């Protein structure tokens, strides 16, 4: 489950509380949003483009923090995860402790109103958080604009933004992020066939901040 920006008593926070309890009971980290292949896809892109291991990386809506664990195992050293849900951050802290990854920073943050210290990142990664904002019944259009503004504030000029979405097509995402970003690459994702037409259930794009 990925981090959305809904009130703390929402079903998202309740879901993280259940996952936190499950982790405490049996050590299961819970769901991996978009599955293992989404994490492999991100790490492969970083490695292919020889992104330095000391680059500062922000995981927007870190959830259980498993992506950060995998990045740390791949040698990345400057990792930060944020989530609106305190239960998600509690869960990711416990996963971090279990894995012995003390160098991963975790914070409760509302990305639509980021704190001043959340800035200067080389890489920002989103797996489903932008999707969650898009589903918010209260002013989703306005919140998407806030998201893009926040992204411009926290990501360095020429920094990379990797987004994985199941709600938006490539063309729609290009339109959403046209202010301040340019597309670098579309990453391969699993294809499905329905009614004789082939499509992608997931879109994964890499943008660069202008």
C-alpha atoms as a PDB file:
ATOM      1  CA  UNK A   1       0.000   0.000   0.000  1.00  0.00           C
ATOM      2  CA  UNK A   2       1.348   3.409  -0.894  1.00  0.00           C
ATOM      3  CA  UNK A   3       1.055   6.604   1.042  1.00  0.00           C
ATOM      4  CA  UNK A   4      -1.922   8.775   0.200  1.00  0.00           C
ATOM      5  CA  UNK A   5      -2.679  12.174   1.651  1.00  0.00           C
ATOM      6  CA  UNK A   6      -6.029  11.602   3.298  1.00  0.00           C
ATOM      7  CA  UNK A   7      -7.043  12.294   6.909  1.00  0.00           C
ATOM      8  CA  UNK A   8      -5.260  10.099   9.484  1.00  0.00           C
ATOM      9  CA  UNK A   9      -8.482   8.233  10.320  1.00  0.00           C
ATOM     10  CA  UNK A  10      -8.834   7.134   6.696  1.00  0.00           C
ATOM     11  CA  UNK A  11      -8.782   3.532   5.564  1.00  0.00           C
ATOM     12  CA  UNK A  12      -5.153   4.016   4.451  1.00  0.00           C
ATOM     13  CA  UNK A  13      -3.951   4.722   7.972  1.00  0.00           C
ATOM     14  CA  UNK A  14      -6.045   1.836   9.293  1.00  0.00           C
ATOM     15  CA  UNK A  15      -4.463  -0.446   6.697  1.00  0.00           C
ATOM     16  CA  UNK A  16      -0.987   0.543   7.877  1.00  0.00           C
ATOM     17  CA  UNK A  17      -1.998  -0.047  11.491  1.00  0.00           C
ATOM     18  CA  UNK A  18      -3.056  -3.591  10.519  1.00  0.00           C
ATOM     19  CA  UNK A  19       0.232  -4.147   8.662  1.00  0.00           C
ATOM     20  CA  UNK A  20       2.170  -2.781  11.649  1.00  0.00           C
ATOM     21  CA  UNK A  21       0.386  -5.248  13.955  1.00  0.00           C
ATOM     22  CA  UNK A  22       1.036  -8.104  11.514  1.00  0.00           C
ATOM     23  CA  UNK A  23       4.735  -7.209  11.335  1.00  0.00           C
ATOM     24  CA  UNK A  24       4.940  -7.166  15.138  1.00  0.00           C
ATOM     25  CA  UNK A  25       3.194 -10.545  15.282  1.00  0.00           C
ATOM     26  CA  UNK A  26       4.901 -12.490  12.486  1.00  0.00           C
ATOM     27  CA  UNK A  27       7.517 -10.235  10.884  1.00  0.00           C
ATOM     28  CA  UNK A  28       5.651  -9.811   7.576  1.00  0.00           C
ATOM     29  CA  UNK A  29       6.319  -6.417   5.977  1.00  0.00           C
ATOM     30  CA  UNK A  30       2.954  -6.321   4.169  1.00  0.00           C
ATOM     31  CA  UNK A  31       2.168  -5.419   0.582  1.00  0.00           C
ATOM     32  CA  UNK A  32       4.741  -4.186  -1.912  1.00  0.00           C
ATOM     33  CA  UNK A  33       3.002  -1.558  -4.024  1.00  0.00           C
ATOM     34  CA  UNK A  34       3.154  -2.592  -7.715  1.00  0.00           C
ATOM     35  CA  UNK A  35       5.148  -5.712  -6.783  1.00  0.00           C
ATOM     36  CA  UNK A  36       8.790  -6.667  -6.813  1.00  0.00           C
ATOM     37  CA  UNK A  37       9.316  -5.849 -10.488  1.00  0.00           C
ATOM     38  CA  UNK A  38       8.626  -2.158  -9.883  1.00  0.00           C
ATOM     39  CA  UNK A  39      11.521  -1.988  -7.398  1.00  0.00           C
ATOM     40  CA  UNK A  40      13.827  -3.944  -9.725  1.00  0.00           C
ATOM     41  CA  UNK A  41      12.881  -1.578 -12.586  1.00  0.00           C
ATOM     42  CA  UNK A  42      13.833   1.493 -10.540  1.00  0.00           C
ATOM     43  CA  UNK A  43      17.133   0.065  -9.287  1.00  0.00           C
ATOM     44  CA  UNK A  44      18.094  -1.164 -12.772  1.00  0.00           C
ATOM     45  CA  UNK A  45      17.521   2.328 -14.193  1.00  0.00           C
ATOM     46  CA  UNK A  46      19.673   3.943 -11.480  1.00  0.00           C
ATOM     47  CA  UNK A  47      22.449   1.411 -12.103  1.00  0.00           C
ATOM     48  CA  UNK A  48      22.224   1.660 -15.908  1.00  0.00           C
ATOM     49  CA  UNK A  49      22.651   5.434 -15.733  1.00  0.00           C
ATOM     50  CA  UNK A  50      25.454   5.122 -13.180  1.00  0.00           C
ATOM     51  CA  UNK A  51      23.664   7.321 -10.658  1.00  0.00           C
ATOM     52  CA  UNK A  52      26.259   7.831  -7.891  1.00  0.00           C
ATOM     53  CA  UNK A  53      25.666   5.754  -4.748  1.00  0.00           C
ATOM     54  CA  UNK A  54      25.893   8.880  -2.561  1.00  0.00           C
ATOM     55  CA  UNK A  55      23.053  10.635  -4.463  1.00  0.00           C
ATOM     56  CA  UNK A  56      20.279  11.865  -2.168  1.00  0.00           C
ATOM     57  CA  UNK A  57      17.099   9.854  -2.786  1.00  0.00           C
ATOM     58  CA  UNK A  58      13.583  10.693  -1.558  1.00  0.00           C
ATOM     59  CA  UNK A  59      10.890   7.981  -1.554  1.00  0.00           C
ATOM     60  CA  UNK A  60       7.568   9.873  -1.638  1.00  0.00           C
ATOM     61  CA  UNK A  61       4.988   7.780   0.206  1.00  0.00           C
ATOM     62  CA  UNK A  62       7.423   5.177   1.432  1.00  0.00           C
ATOM     63  CA  UNK A  63       4.792   2.900   3.010  1.00  0.00           C
ATOM     64  CA  UNK A  64       6.623  -0.049   4.581  1.00  0.00           C
ATOM     65  CA  UNK A  65       9.991   1.291   3.363  1.00  0.00           C
ATOM     66  CA  UNK A  66      10.915  -1.868   1.441  1.00  0.00           C
ATOM     67  CA  UNK A  67      12.101   0.071  -1.640  1.00  0.00           C
ATOM     68  CA  UNK A  68      14.573   1.979   0.554  1.00  0.00           C
ATOM     69  CA  UNK A  69      15.830  -1.310   2.007  1.00  0.00           C
ATOM     70  CA  UNK A  70      16.457  -2.643  -1.511  1.00  0.00           C
ATOM     71  CA  UNK A  71      18.200   0.591  -2.513  1.00  0.00           C
ATOM     72  CA  UNK A  72      20.413   0.350   0.576  1.00  0.00           C
ATOM     73  CA  UNK A  73      21.254  -3.275  -0.275  1.00  0.00           C
ATOM     74  CA  UNK A  74      22.253  -2.040  -3.756  1.00  0.00           C
ATOM     75  CA  UNK A  75      24.739   0.359  -2.164  1.00  0.00           C
ATOM     76  CA  UNK A  76      22.794   3.632  -2.021  1.00  0.00           C
ATOM     77  CA  UNK A  77      23.718   5.514   1.134  1.00  0.00           C
ATOM     78  CA  UNK A  78      21.710   8.761   1.257  1.00  0.00           C
ATOM     79  CA  UNK A  79      18.115   7.584   1.559  1.00  0.00           C
ATOM     80  CA  UNK A  80      15.018   9.320   2.951  1.00  0.00           C
ATOM     81  CA  UNK A  81      11.446   8.054   3.107  1.00  0.00           C
ATOM     82  CA  UNK A  82       8.387  10.152   3.907  1.00  0.00           C
ATOM     83  CA  UNK A  83       4.773   9.232   4.452  1.00  0.00           C
ATOM     84  CA  UNK A  84       1.653  11.071   5.587  1.00  0.00           C
ATOM     85  CA  UNK A  85       0.659   8.103   7.733  1.00  0.00           C
ATOM     86  CA  UNK A  86       2.393   7.820  11.144  1.00  0.00           C
ATOM     87  CA  UNK A  87       1.543   4.098  11.150  1.00  0.00           C
ATOM     88  CA  UNK A  88       3.383   3.673   7.835  1.00  0.00           C
ATOM     89  CA  UNK A  89       6.484   5.371   9.245  1.00  0.00           C
ATOM     90  CA  UNK A  90       6.274   3.209  12.388  1.00  0.00           C
ATOM     91  CA  UNK A  91       6.103   0.125  10.162  1.00  0.00           C
ATOM     92  CA  UNK A  92       9.023   1.238   7.975  1.00  0.00           C
ATOM     93  CA  UNK A  93      11.068   2.000  11.116  1.00  0.00           C
ATOM     94  CA  UNK A  94      10.506  -1.552  12.348  1.00  0.00           C
ATOM     95  CA  UNK A  95      11.418  -2.995   8.925  1.00  0.00           C
ATOM     96  CA  UNK A  96      14.561  -0.810   8.926  1.00  0.00           C
ATOM     97  CA  UNK A  97      15.529  -2.078  12.396  1.00  0.00           C
ATOM     98  CA  UNK A  98      14.954  -5.702  11.379  1.00  0.00           C
ATOM     99  CA  UNK A  99      17.200  -5.234   8.319  1.00  0.00           C
ATOM    100  CA  UNK A 100      19.839  -3.292  10.286  1.00  0.00           C
ATOM    101  CA  UNK A 101      19.701  -0.308   7.898  1.00  0.00           C
ATOM    102  CA  UNK A 102      20.292   2.520  10.348  1.00  0.00           C
ATOM    103  CA  UNK A 103      21.356   4.979   7.605  1.00  0.00           C
ATOM    104  CA  UNK A 104      17.821   5.256   6.155  1.00  0.00           C
ATOM    105  CA  UNK A 105      16.027   8.436   7.316  1.00  0.00           C
ATOM    106  CA  UNK A 106      12.259   8.226   7.833  1.00  0.00           C
ATOM    107  CA  UNK A 107       9.849  11.112   8.513  1.00  0.00           C
ATOM    108  CA  UNK A 108       6.132  11.760   8.814  1.00  0.00           C
ATOM    109  CA  UNK A 109       5.565  14.421   6.141  1.00  0.00           C
ATOM    110  CA  UNK A 110       2.671  15.727   4.076  1.00  0.00           C
ATOM    111  CA  UNK A 111       4.246  16.074   0.640  1.00  0.00           C
ATOM    112  CA  UNK A 112       1.646  18.672  -0.328  1.00  0.00           C
ATOM    113  CA  UNK A 113       3.033  20.912   2.433  1.00  0.00           C
ATOM    114  CA  UNK A 114       6.650  19.768   2.842  1.00  0.00           C
ATOM    115  CA  UNK A 115       8.843  21.062   5.649  1.00  0.00           C
ATOM    116  CA  UNK A 116      11.701  23.431   4.744  1.00  0.00           C
ATOM    117  CA  UNK A 117      14.329  20.744   5.442  1.00  0.00           C
ATOM    118  CA  UNK A 118      12.869  18.549   2.706  1.00  0.00           C
ATOM    119  CA  UNK A 119      14.902  19.938  -0.190  1.00  0.00           C
ATOM    120  CA  UNK A 120      17.924  19.429  -2.439  1.00  0.00           C
ATOM    121  CA  UNK A 121      17.257  15.825  -3.493  1.00  0.00           C
ATOM    122  CA  UNK A 122      18.997  14.340  -6.530  1.00  0.00           C
ATOM    123  CA  UNK A 123      16.304  11.674  -7.059  1.00  0.00           C
ATOM    124  CA  UNK A 124      12.605  11.523  -6.137  1.00  0.00           C
ATOM    125  CA  UNK A 125      10.638   8.287  -6.480  1.00  0.00           C
ATOM    126  CA  UNK A 126       6.854   7.845  -6.441  1.00  0.00           C
ATOM    127  CA  UNK A 127       5.067   4.484  -6.576  1.00  0.00           C
ATOM    128  CA  UNK A 128       1.356   5.209  -6.279  1.00  0.00           C
ATOM    129  CA  UNK A 129       1.305   8.343  -4.134  1.00  0.00           C
ATOM    130  CA  UNK A 130       0.422  10.613  -7.046  1.00  0.00           C
ATOM    131  CA  UNK A 131      -2.271   8.050  -7.889  1.00  0.00           C
ATOM    132  CA  UNK A 132      -3.681   8.298  -4.371  1.00  0.00           C
ATOM    133  CA  UNK A 133      -3.804  12.095  -4.538  1.00  0.00           C
ATOM    134  CA  UNK A 134      -5.636  11.813  -7.856  1.00  0.00           C
ATOM    135  CA  UNK A 135      -8.346   9.722  -6.156  1.00  0.00           C
ATOM    136  CA  UNK A 136      -8.906  12.207  -3.335  1.00  0.00           C
ATOM    137  CA  UNK A 137     -12.536  13.365  -3.679  1.00  0.00           C
ATOM    138  CA  UNK A 138     -11.749  16.811  -2.247  1.00  0.00           C
ATOM    139  CA  UNK A 139     -10.113  19.001  -4.926  1.00  0.00           C
ATOM    140  CA  UNK A 140      -7.951  16.369  -6.626  1.00  0.00           C
ATOM    141  CA  UNK A 141      -7.014  18.830  -9.408  1.00  0.00           C
ATOM    142  CA  UNK A 142      -5.754  21.404  -6.906  1.00  0.00           C
ATOM    143  CA  UNK A 143      -3.846  18.760  -4.969  1.00  0.00           C
ATOM    144  CA  UNK A 144      -2.130  17.511  -8.119  1.00  0.00           C
ATOM    145  CA  UNK A 145      -0.930  21.068  -8.760  1.00  0.00           C
ATOM    146  CA  UNK A 146       0.327  21.278  -5.171  1.00  0.00           C
ATOM    147  CA  UNK A 147       2.156  17.991  -5.703  1.00  0.00           C
ATOM    148  CA  UNK A 148       3.963  19.313  -8.797  1.00  0.00           C
ATOM    149  CA  UNK A 149       4.869  22.490  -6.897  1.00  0.00           C
ATOM    150  CA  UNK A 150       6.234  20.459  -3.979  1.00  0.00           C
ATOM    151  CA  UNK A 151       8.240  18.294  -6.363  1.00  0.00           C
ATOM    152  CA  UNK A 152       9.836  21.409  -7.884  1.00  0.00           C
ATOM    153  CA  UNK A 153      10.805  22.561  -4.379  1.00  0.00           C
ATOM    154  CA  UNK A 154      12.325  19.331  -3.090  1.00  0.00           C
ATOM    155  CA  UNK A 155      14.075  18.108  -6.278  1.00  0.00           C
ATOM    156  CA  UNK A 156      17.283  19.777  -7.456  1.00  0.00           C
ATOM    157  CA  UNK A 157      17.407  21.326 -10.931  1.00  0.00           C
ATOM    158  CA  UNK A 158      18.356  18.517 -13.349  1.00  0.00           C
ATOM    159  CA  UNK A 159      17.370  15.981 -10.696  1.00  0.00           C
ATOM    160  CA  UNK A 160      15.474  12.835 -11.687  1.00  0.00           C
ATOM    161  CA  UNK A 161      11.853  11.953 -10.871  1.00  0.00           C
ATOM    162  CA  UNK A 162      10.797   8.303 -11.314  1.00  0.00           C
ATOM    163  CA  UNK A 163       7.045   7.751 -11.175  1.00  0.00           C
ATOM    164  CA  UNK A 164       5.100   4.489 -11.329  1.00  0.00           C
ATOM    165  CA  UNK A 165       1.342   4.836 -11.852  1.00  0.00           C
ATOM    166  CA  UNK A 166      -1.625   2.570 -12.474  1.00  0.00           C
ATOM    167  CA  UNK A 167      -4.084   5.475 -12.922  1.00  0.00           C
ATOM    168  CA  UNK A 168      -2.398   7.564 -15.589  1.00  0.00           C
ATOM    169  CA  UNK A 169      -1.193   6.973 -19.140  1.00  0.00           C
ATOM    170  CA  UNK A 170       2.132   8.292 -20.407  1.00  0.00           C
ATOM    171  CA  UNK A 171       0.402  11.139 -22.249  1.00  0.00           C
ATOM    172  CA  UNK A 172      -1.602  12.145 -19.170  1.00  0.00           C
ATOM    173  CA  UNK A 173       1.499  12.177 -16.966  1.00  0.00           C
ATOM    174  CA  UNK A 174       3.389  14.252 -19.545  1.00  0.00           C
ATOM    175  CA  UNK A 175       0.568  16.779 -19.314  1.00  0.00           C
ATOM    176  CA  UNK A 176       0.482  16.747 -15.496  1.00  0.00           C
ATOM    177  CA  UNK A 177       4.246  17.340 -15.196  1.00  0.00           C
ATOM    178  CA  UNK A 178       4.707  19.667 -18.192  1.00  0.00           C
ATOM    179  CA  UNK A 179       5.494  22.598 -15.878  1.00  0.00           C
ATOM    180  CA  UNK A 180       9.149  22.324 -14.915  1.00  0.00           C
ATOM    181  CA  UNK A 181       9.880  18.768 -16.096  1.00  0.00           C
ATOM    182  CA  UNK A 182      10.884  16.988 -19.280  1.00  0.00           C
ATOM    183  CA  UNK A 183      10.494  13.319 -20.087  1.00  0.00           C
ATOM    184  CA  UNK A 184      13.703  11.297 -20.334  1.00  0.00           C
ATOM    185  CA  UNK A 185      12.483   7.748 -20.683  1.00  0.00           C
ATOM    186  CA  UNK A 186       9.528   5.398 -20.470  1.00  0.00           C
ATOM    187  CA  UNK A 187      10.423   2.222 -18.583  1.00  0.00           C
ATOM    188  CA  UNK A 188       9.070  -1.167 -19.744  1.00  0.00           C
ATOM    189  CA  UNK A 189       6.123  -2.464 -17.729  1.00  0.00           C
ATOM    190  CA  UNK A 190       3.992  -5.629 -17.969  1.00  0.00           C
ATOM    191  CA  UNK A 191       1.451  -5.602 -20.824  1.00  0.00           C
ATOM    192  CA  UNK A 192      -2.069  -7.010 -20.803  1.00  0.00           C
ATOM    193  CA  UNK A 193      -4.522  -7.909 -23.557  1.00  0.00           C
ATOM    194  CA  UNK A 194      -8.214  -7.053 -23.324  1.00  0.00           C
ATOM    195  CA  UNK A 195     -10.719  -7.242 -26.151  1.00  0.00           C
ATOM    196  CA  UNK A 196      -7.963  -7.802 -28.668  1.00  0.00           C
ATOM    197  CA  UNK A 197      -6.125  -4.628 -27.685  1.00  0.00           C
ATOM    198  CA  UNK A 198      -2.743  -4.629 -25.947  1.00  0.00           C
ATOM    199  CA  UNK A 199      -2.094  -2.060 -23.256  1.00  0.00           C
ATOM    200  CA  UNK A 200      -0.115  -1.381 -20.091  1.00  0.00           C
ATOM    201  CA  UNK A 201      -1.780  -1.601 -16.709  1.00  0.00           C
ATOM    202  CA  UNK A 202       1.162   0.284 -15.199  1.00  0.00           C
ATOM    203  CA  UNK A 203       3.034   3.332 -16.519  1.00  0.00           C
ATOM    204  CA  UNK A 204       6.606   4.046 -15.393  1.00  0.00           C
ATOM    205  CA  UNK A 205       8.334   7.250 -16.498  1.00  0.00           C
ATOM    206  CA  UNK A 206      11.563   9.093 -15.741  1.00  0.00           C
ATOM    207  CA  UNK A 207      11.428  12.889 -15.765  1.00  0.00           C
ATOM    208  CA  UNK A 208      14.214  15.421 -15.315  1.00  0.00           C
ATOM    209  CA  UNK A 209      13.633  18.731 -13.605  1.00  0.00           C
ATOM    210  CA  UNK A 210      14.432  21.640 -15.925  1.00  0.00           C
END
